[in-house]
Amino acid sequence: MSQVFAQVDPSEPHVVTRLALEAELDGDSLDATLKIRPDLRTASGLPLLGPLGSFCDTVGGVVAAIATFPRAIATADLGIVIDAGAKPDAIRTRPRVVRAGRSNVVTEMELRDAGTDALVGYS
């Protein structure tokens, strides 16, 4: 397995370094984790949607880029459904390409509590 974000300079203000995303790529399969630190939570302890959206967009984009290489891609639509009471310490996902056409790529990911493997959402 190779580390997907190993080339990102940790001193640069990049979403990968700010969120401390972790991802391992094995062929076309990606396993990614977002640790939900205190600064990534609401006052009531729920994960903030902005960082979660950035996580889903980034890791979904990796598998979409692999599926469409060498064509360029950009996110056109992103949806997230999350359990309203979920307070995981980390969220893990294995995004997958549902369909890759000439001009659109559809990805899907189950968002799971990295500690318990409980399903906490979808994107």
N, C-alpha and C. Protein backbone atom coordinates (compact mmCIF):
# COMPACT_ATOMS: atom_id res chain seq x y z
N MET A 1 0.84 -1.19 0.00
CA MET A 1 0.00 0.00 0.00
C MET A 1 0.88 1.24 0.00
N SER A 2 0.44 2.25 -0.69
CA SER A 2 1.18 3.51 -0.68
C SER A 2 0.36 4.58 0.02
N GLN A 3 1.05 5.50 0.67
CA GLN A 3 0.36 6.61 1.31
C GLN A 3 -0.01 7.62 0.24
N VAL A 4 -1.29 7.92 0.15
CA VAL A 4 -1.81 8.78 -0.91
C VAL A 4 -1.31 10.21 -0.78
N PHE A 5 -1.27 10.73 0.42
CA PHE A 5 -0.96 12.13 0.62
C PHE A 5 0.48 12.35 1.09
N ALA A 6 1.36 11.40 0.86
CA ALA A 6 2.75 11.50 1.32
C ALA A 6 3.50 12.67 0.68
N GLN A 7 3.09 13.10 -0.50
CA GLN A 7 3.79 14.17 -1.19
C GLN A 7 3.35 15.57 -0.76
N VAL A 8 2.33 15.67 0.09
CA VAL A 8 1.85 16.98 0.53
C VAL A 8 2.78 17.50 1.62
N ASP A 9 3.30 18.70 1.41
CA ASP A 9 4.22 19.33 2.37
C ASP A 9 3.45 19.69 3.63
N PRO A 10 3.80 19.11 4.79
CA PRO A 10 3.06 19.38 6.02
C PRO A 10 3.11 20.83 6.48
N SER A 11 4.05 21.62 5.97
CA SER A 11 4.13 23.02 6.36
C SER A 11 3.20 23.90 5.53
N GLU A 12 2.65 23.37 4.46
CA GLU A 12 1.76 24.14 3.59
C GLU A 12 0.33 24.13 4.13
N PRO A 13 -0.40 25.25 3.98
CA PRO A 13 -1.79 25.31 4.44
C PRO A 13 -2.72 24.63 3.43
N HIS A 14 -2.75 23.33 3.45
CA HIS A 14 -3.53 22.52 2.52
C HIS A 14 -4.58 21.75 3.32
N VAL A 15 -5.72 21.45 2.70
CA VAL A 15 -6.79 20.74 3.40
C VAL A 15 -6.30 19.42 3.97
N VAL A 16 -5.41 18.73 3.29
CA VAL A 16 -4.91 17.44 3.77
C VAL A 16 -4.14 17.62 5.07
N THR A 17 -3.31 18.67 5.16
CA THR A 17 -2.53 18.87 6.38
C THR A 17 -3.39 19.46 7.50
N ARG A 18 -4.31 20.34 7.15
CA ARG A 18 -5.16 20.94 8.19
C ARG A 18 -6.10 19.92 8.82
N LEU A 19 -6.63 19.02 8.03
CA LEU A 19 -7.54 18.00 8.55
C LEU A 19 -6.82 16.74 8.99
N ALA A 20 -5.54 16.61 8.65
CA ALA A 20 -4.74 15.42 8.97
C ALA A 20 -5.41 14.15 8.43
N LEU A 21 -5.82 14.21 7.16
CA LEU A 21 -6.42 13.05 6.51
C LEU A 21 -5.39 11.93 6.41
N GLU A 22 -5.84 10.71 6.61
CA GLU A 22 -4.98 9.56 6.43
C GLU A 22 -5.61 8.68 5.37
N ALA A 23 -4.81 8.23 4.42
CA ALA A 23 -5.35 7.39 3.35
C ALA A 23 -4.27 6.44 2.85
N GLU A 24 -4.68 5.23 2.55
CA GLU A 24 -3.81 4.22 1.98
C GLU A 24 -4.44 3.73 0.69
N LEU A 25 -3.64 3.67 -0.35
CA LEU A 25 -4.10 3.22 -1.66
C LEU A 25 -3.50 1.85 -1.94
N ASP A 26 -4.35 0.90 -2.30
CA ASP A 26 -3.91 -0.44 -2.67
C ASP A 26 -4.55 -0.75 -4.02
N GLY A 27 -3.79 -0.54 -5.09
CA GLY A 27 -4.35 -0.67 -6.44
C GLY A 27 -5.33 0.45 -6.68
N ASP A 28 -6.59 0.11 -6.95
CA ASP A 28 -7.63 1.11 -7.14
C ASP A 28 -8.47 1.31 -5.88
N SER A 29 -8.13 0.63 -4.80
CA SER A 29 -8.90 0.69 -3.56
C SER A 29 -8.26 1.67 -2.58
N LEU A 30 -9.06 2.55 -2.02
CA LEU A 30 -8.59 3.56 -1.09
C LEU A 30 -9.27 3.37 0.26
N ASP A 31 -8.49 3.39 1.32
CA ASP A 31 -9.00 3.32 2.68
C ASP A 31 -8.60 4.62 3.35
N ALA A 32 -9.56 5.44 3.78
CA ALA A 32 -9.27 6.77 4.30
C ALA A 32 -9.92 6.99 5.66
N THR A 33 -9.24 7.79 6.49
CA THR A 33 -9.73 8.08 7.84
C THR A 33 -9.59 9.56 8.14
N LEU A 34 -10.59 10.10 8.81
CA LEU A 34 -10.57 11.47 9.31
C LEU A 34 -10.76 11.40 10.82
N LYS A 35 -9.75 11.83 11.57
CA LYS A 35 -9.87 11.90 13.02
C LYS A 35 -10.69 13.14 13.36
N ILE A 36 -11.70 12.96 14.18
CA ILE A 36 -12.58 14.07 14.55
C ILE A 36 -12.03 14.70 15.83
N ARG A 37 -11.09 15.62 15.65
CA ARG A 37 -10.48 16.33 16.77
C ARG A 37 -11.50 17.30 17.38
N PRO A 38 -11.21 17.83 18.57
CA PRO A 38 -12.14 18.81 19.18
C PRO A 38 -12.43 20.02 18.29
N ASP A 39 -11.45 20.48 17.51
CA ASP A 39 -11.69 21.63 16.64
C ASP A 39 -12.52 21.28 15.41
N LEU A 40 -12.83 20.01 15.23
CA LEU A 40 -13.66 19.57 14.10
C LEU A 40 -15.05 19.14 14.58
N ARG A 41 -15.42 19.59 15.78
CA ARG A 41 -16.72 19.25 16.37
C ARG A 41 -17.52 20.50 16.71
N THR A 42 -18.83 20.31 16.76
CA THR A 42 -19.70 21.37 17.25
C THR A 42 -19.56 21.44 18.78
N ALA A 43 -20.20 22.44 19.39
CA ALA A 43 -20.18 22.57 20.85
C ALA A 43 -20.79 21.34 21.52
N SER A 44 -21.72 20.67 20.85
CA SER A 44 -22.34 19.47 21.42
C SER A 44 -21.59 18.18 21.07
N GLY A 45 -20.46 18.30 20.38
CA GLY A 45 -19.62 17.13 20.11
C GLY A 45 -19.84 16.43 18.79
N LEU A 46 -20.75 16.95 17.96
CA LEU A 46 -21.00 16.33 16.65
C LEU A 46 -19.94 16.76 15.65
N PRO A 47 -19.63 15.92 14.66
CA PRO A 47 -18.65 16.33 13.63
C PRO A 47 -19.19 17.53 12.84
N LEU A 48 -18.33 18.51 12.59
CA LEU A 48 -18.69 19.64 11.74
C LEU A 48 -18.84 19.17 10.30
N LEU A 49 -19.84 19.67 9.62
CA LEU A 49 -20.12 19.23 8.25
C LEU A 49 -19.06 19.71 7.26
N GLY A 50 -18.50 20.90 7.46
CA GLY A 50 -17.49 21.42 6.53
C GLY A 50 -16.28 20.51 6.40
N PRO A 51 -15.62 20.17 7.52
CA PRO A 51 -14.49 19.24 7.42
C PRO A 51 -14.89 17.86 6.88
N LEU A 52 -16.07 17.39 7.26
CA LEU A 52 -16.53 16.11 6.75
C LEU A 52 -16.76 16.17 5.25
N GLY A 53 -17.31 17.28 4.77
CA GLY A 53 -17.50 17.47 3.33
C GLY A 53 -16.18 17.53 2.59
N SER A 54 -15.19 18.22 3.16
CA SER A 54 -13.86 18.28 2.55
C SER A 54 -13.23 16.90 2.48
N PHE A 55 -13.40 16.12 3.54
CA PHE A 55 -12.89 14.75 3.58
C PHE A 55 -13.52 13.92 2.46
N CYS A 56 -14.86 13.95 2.36
CA CYS A 56 -15.55 13.16 1.34
C CYS A 56 -15.17 13.62 -0.07
N ASP A 57 -15.07 14.92 -0.27
CA ASP A 57 -14.71 15.46 -1.58
C ASP A 57 -13.29 15.04 -1.96
N THR A 58 -12.38 15.11 -1.02
CA THR A 58 -10.98 14.77 -1.30
C THR A 58 -10.81 13.29 -1.62
N VAL A 59 -11.31 12.42 -0.76
CA VAL A 59 -11.08 10.99 -0.99
C VAL A 59 -11.94 10.44 -2.13
N GLY A 60 -13.14 11.00 -2.29
CA GLY A 60 -13.95 10.62 -3.44
C GLY A 60 -13.30 11.06 -4.74
N GLY A 61 -12.68 12.23 -4.69
CA GLY A 61 -11.97 12.75 -5.86
C GLY A 61 -10.78 11.91 -6.26
N VAL A 62 -10.10 11.33 -5.27
CA VAL A 62 -8.95 10.46 -5.57
C VAL A 62 -9.41 9.26 -6.40
N VAL A 63 -10.45 8.56 -5.95
CA VAL A 63 -10.90 7.38 -6.71
C VAL A 63 -11.51 7.76 -8.04
N ALA A 64 -12.17 8.93 -8.11
CA ALA A 64 -12.72 9.40 -9.39
C ALA A 64 -11.59 9.73 -10.36
N ALA A 65 -10.52 10.36 -9.86
CA ALA A 65 -9.38 10.70 -10.72
C ALA A 65 -8.70 9.45 -11.25
N ILE A 66 -8.58 8.45 -10.41
CA ILE A 66 -7.98 7.18 -10.86
C ILE A 66 -8.84 6.56 -11.96
N ALA A 67 -10.16 6.60 -11.78
CA ALA A 67 -11.07 5.97 -12.75
C ALA A 67 -11.09 6.70 -14.09
N THR A 68 -10.79 7.99 -14.09
CA THR A 68 -10.90 8.77 -15.33
C THR A 68 -9.57 9.21 -15.91
N PHE A 69 -8.48 8.83 -15.27
CA PHE A 69 -7.16 9.26 -15.75
C PHE A 69 -6.99 8.91 -17.22
N PRO A 70 -6.51 9.81 -18.06
CA PRO A 70 -5.87 11.09 -17.79
C PRO A 70 -6.80 12.30 -17.90
N ARG A 71 -8.11 12.09 -17.98
CA ARG A 71 -9.03 13.23 -18.08
C ARG A 71 -9.08 13.98 -16.75
N ALA A 72 -9.29 15.28 -16.80
CA ALA A 72 -9.44 16.10 -15.60
C ALA A 72 -10.87 16.00 -15.08
N ILE A 73 -11.03 16.11 -13.77
CA ILE A 73 -12.36 16.07 -13.17
C ILE A 73 -12.51 17.21 -12.18
N ALA A 74 -13.75 17.53 -11.83
CA ALA A 74 -14.06 18.51 -10.79
C ALA A 74 -15.36 18.08 -10.13
N THR A 75 -15.51 18.39 -8.86
CA THR A 75 -16.74 18.03 -8.15
C THR A 75 -17.87 18.94 -8.62
N ALA A 76 -18.97 18.33 -9.04
CA ALA A 76 -20.14 19.08 -9.48
C ALA A 76 -21.25 19.01 -8.43
N ASP A 77 -21.29 17.93 -7.67
CA ASP A 77 -22.36 17.74 -6.69
C ASP A 77 -21.83 16.82 -5.60
N LEU A 78 -22.13 17.16 -4.36
CA LEU A 78 -21.68 16.35 -3.23
C LEU A 78 -22.80 16.32 -2.21
N GLY A 79 -23.19 15.14 -1.83
CA GLY A 79 -24.22 14.99 -0.80
C GLY A 79 -23.70 14.16 0.35
N ILE A 80 -24.11 14.53 1.55
CA ILE A 80 -23.71 13.78 2.75
C ILE A 80 -24.94 13.59 3.63
N VAL A 81 -25.13 12.37 4.09
CA VAL A 81 -26.17 12.06 5.07
C VAL A 81 -25.44 11.47 6.26
N ILE A 82 -25.67 12.05 7.45
CA ILE A 82 -24.98 11.55 8.64
C ILE A 82 -25.99 11.39 9.77
N ASP A 83 -25.79 10.37 10.58
CA ASP A 83 -26.62 10.11 11.75
C ASP A 83 -26.53 11.32 12.68
N ALA A 84 -27.67 11.89 13.01
CA ALA A 84 -27.71 13.13 13.80
C ALA A 84 -27.09 12.98 15.19
N GLY A 85 -26.99 11.78 15.70
CA GLY A 85 -26.43 11.58 17.03
C GLY A 85 -25.02 11.00 17.03
N ALA A 86 -24.45 10.81 15.86
CA ALA A 86 -23.13 10.17 15.76
C ALA A 86 -22.04 11.09 16.29
N LYS A 87 -21.20 10.55 17.18
CA LYS A 87 -20.08 11.30 17.74
C LYS A 87 -18.81 10.45 17.71
N PRO A 88 -18.43 9.97 16.52
CA PRO A 88 -17.26 9.10 16.44
C PRO A 88 -15.97 9.88 16.70
N ASP A 89 -14.94 9.17 17.17
CA ASP A 89 -13.62 9.77 17.34
C ASP A 89 -12.91 9.88 15.99
N ALA A 90 -13.28 9.01 15.07
CA ALA A 90 -12.71 9.04 13.72
C ALA A 90 -13.72 8.41 12.77
N ILE A 91 -13.71 8.89 11.52
CA ILE A 91 -14.58 8.34 10.48
C ILE A 91 -13.70 7.71 9.42
N ARG A 92 -14.06 6.48 9.03
CA ARG A 92 -13.32 5.72 8.03
C ARG A 92 -14.23 5.46 6.85
N THR A 93 -13.64 5.45 5.66
CA THR A 93 -14.42 5.13 4.46
C THR A 93 -13.54 4.45 3.43
N ARG A 94 -14.19 3.72 2.55
CA ARG A 94 -13.55 3.13 1.37
C ARG A 94 -14.39 3.56 0.17
N PRO A 95 -14.10 4.74 -0.39
CA PRO A 95 -14.91 5.22 -1.51
C PRO A 95 -14.81 4.28 -2.71
N ARG A 96 -15.89 4.23 -3.47
CA ARG A 96 -15.88 3.39 -4.67
C ARG A 96 -16.55 4.13 -5.81
N VAL A 97 -16.14 3.82 -6.99
CA VAL A 97 -16.75 4.39 -8.19
C VAL A 97 -17.96 3.55 -8.54
N VAL A 98 -19.11 4.18 -8.59
CA VAL A 98 -20.35 3.50 -8.97
C VAL A 98 -20.46 3.46 -10.48
N ARG A 99 -20.12 4.60 -11.13
CA ARG A 99 -20.20 4.70 -12.58
C ARG A 99 -19.19 5.74 -13.05
N ALA A 100 -18.47 5.41 -14.08
CA ALA A 100 -17.53 6.36 -14.70
C ALA A 100 -17.86 6.44 -16.18
N GLY A 101 -18.45 7.56 -16.55
CA GLY A 101 -18.79 7.78 -17.96
C GLY A 101 -17.80 8.73 -18.60
N ARG A 102 -18.17 9.22 -19.77
CA ARG A 102 -17.28 10.12 -20.51
C ARG A 102 -17.16 11.48 -19.84
N SER A 103 -18.27 11.97 -19.26
CA SER A 103 -18.23 13.31 -18.66
C SER A 103 -18.64 13.34 -17.19
N ASN A 104 -19.07 12.23 -16.63
CA ASN A 104 -19.47 12.19 -15.22
C ASN A 104 -18.91 10.95 -14.53
N VAL A 105 -18.58 11.13 -13.27
CA VAL A 105 -18.16 10.01 -12.42
C VAL A 105 -19.03 10.07 -11.18
N VAL A 106 -19.59 8.95 -10.79
CA VAL A 106 -20.39 8.86 -9.58
C VAL A 106 -19.64 8.00 -8.58
N THR A 107 -19.37 8.57 -7.41
CA THR A 107 -18.72 7.80 -6.34
C THR A 107 -19.68 7.64 -5.18
N GLU A 108 -19.40 6.67 -4.36
CA GLU A 108 -20.24 6.40 -3.19
C GLU A 108 -19.33 5.98 -2.05
N MET A 109 -19.68 6.40 -0.85
CA MET A 109 -18.91 5.94 0.30
C MET A 109 -19.80 5.79 1.52
N GLU A 110 -19.56 4.71 2.24
CA GLU A 110 -20.17 4.52 3.55
C GLU A 110 -19.23 5.17 4.55
N LEU A 111 -19.78 5.98 5.45
CA LEU A 111 -18.98 6.62 6.49
C LEU A 111 -19.17 5.80 7.76
N ARG A 112 -18.08 5.26 8.27
CA ARG A 112 -18.15 4.36 9.42
C ARG A 112 -17.33 4.89 10.59
N ASP A 113 -17.82 4.61 11.79
CA ASP A 113 -17.06 4.92 13.00
C ASP A 113 -15.82 4.04 12.96
N ALA A 114 -14.64 4.65 12.95
CA ALA A 114 -13.40 3.88 12.82
C ALA A 114 -13.16 2.97 14.02
N GLY A 115 -13.74 3.29 15.19
CA GLY A 115 -13.55 2.46 16.37
C GLY A 115 -14.47 1.28 16.45
N THR A 116 -15.74 1.46 16.03
CA THR A 116 -16.73 0.40 16.19
C THR A 116 -17.19 -0.20 14.87
N ASP A 117 -16.86 0.41 13.75
CA ASP A 117 -17.29 0.04 12.42
C ASP A 117 -18.78 0.26 12.19
N ALA A 118 -19.44 0.99 13.12
CA ALA A 118 -20.86 1.30 12.96
C ALA A 118 -21.03 2.29 11.81
N LEU A 119 -22.07 2.07 11.02
CA LEU A 119 -22.40 2.97 9.93
C LEU A 119 -22.94 4.27 10.52
N VAL A 120 -22.30 5.42 10.18
CA VAL A 120 -22.74 6.71 10.70
C VAL A 120 -23.21 7.64 9.59
N GLY A 121 -23.01 7.26 8.33
CA GLY A 121 -23.48 8.11 7.25
C GLY A 121 -23.09 7.60 5.88
N TYR A 122 -23.49 8.37 4.87
CA TYR A 122 -23.20 8.06 3.47
C TYR A 122 -22.79 9.34 2.75
N SER A 123 -22.05 9.17 1.68
CA SER A 123 -21.80 10.29 0.78
C SER A 123 -21.74 9.72 -0.62
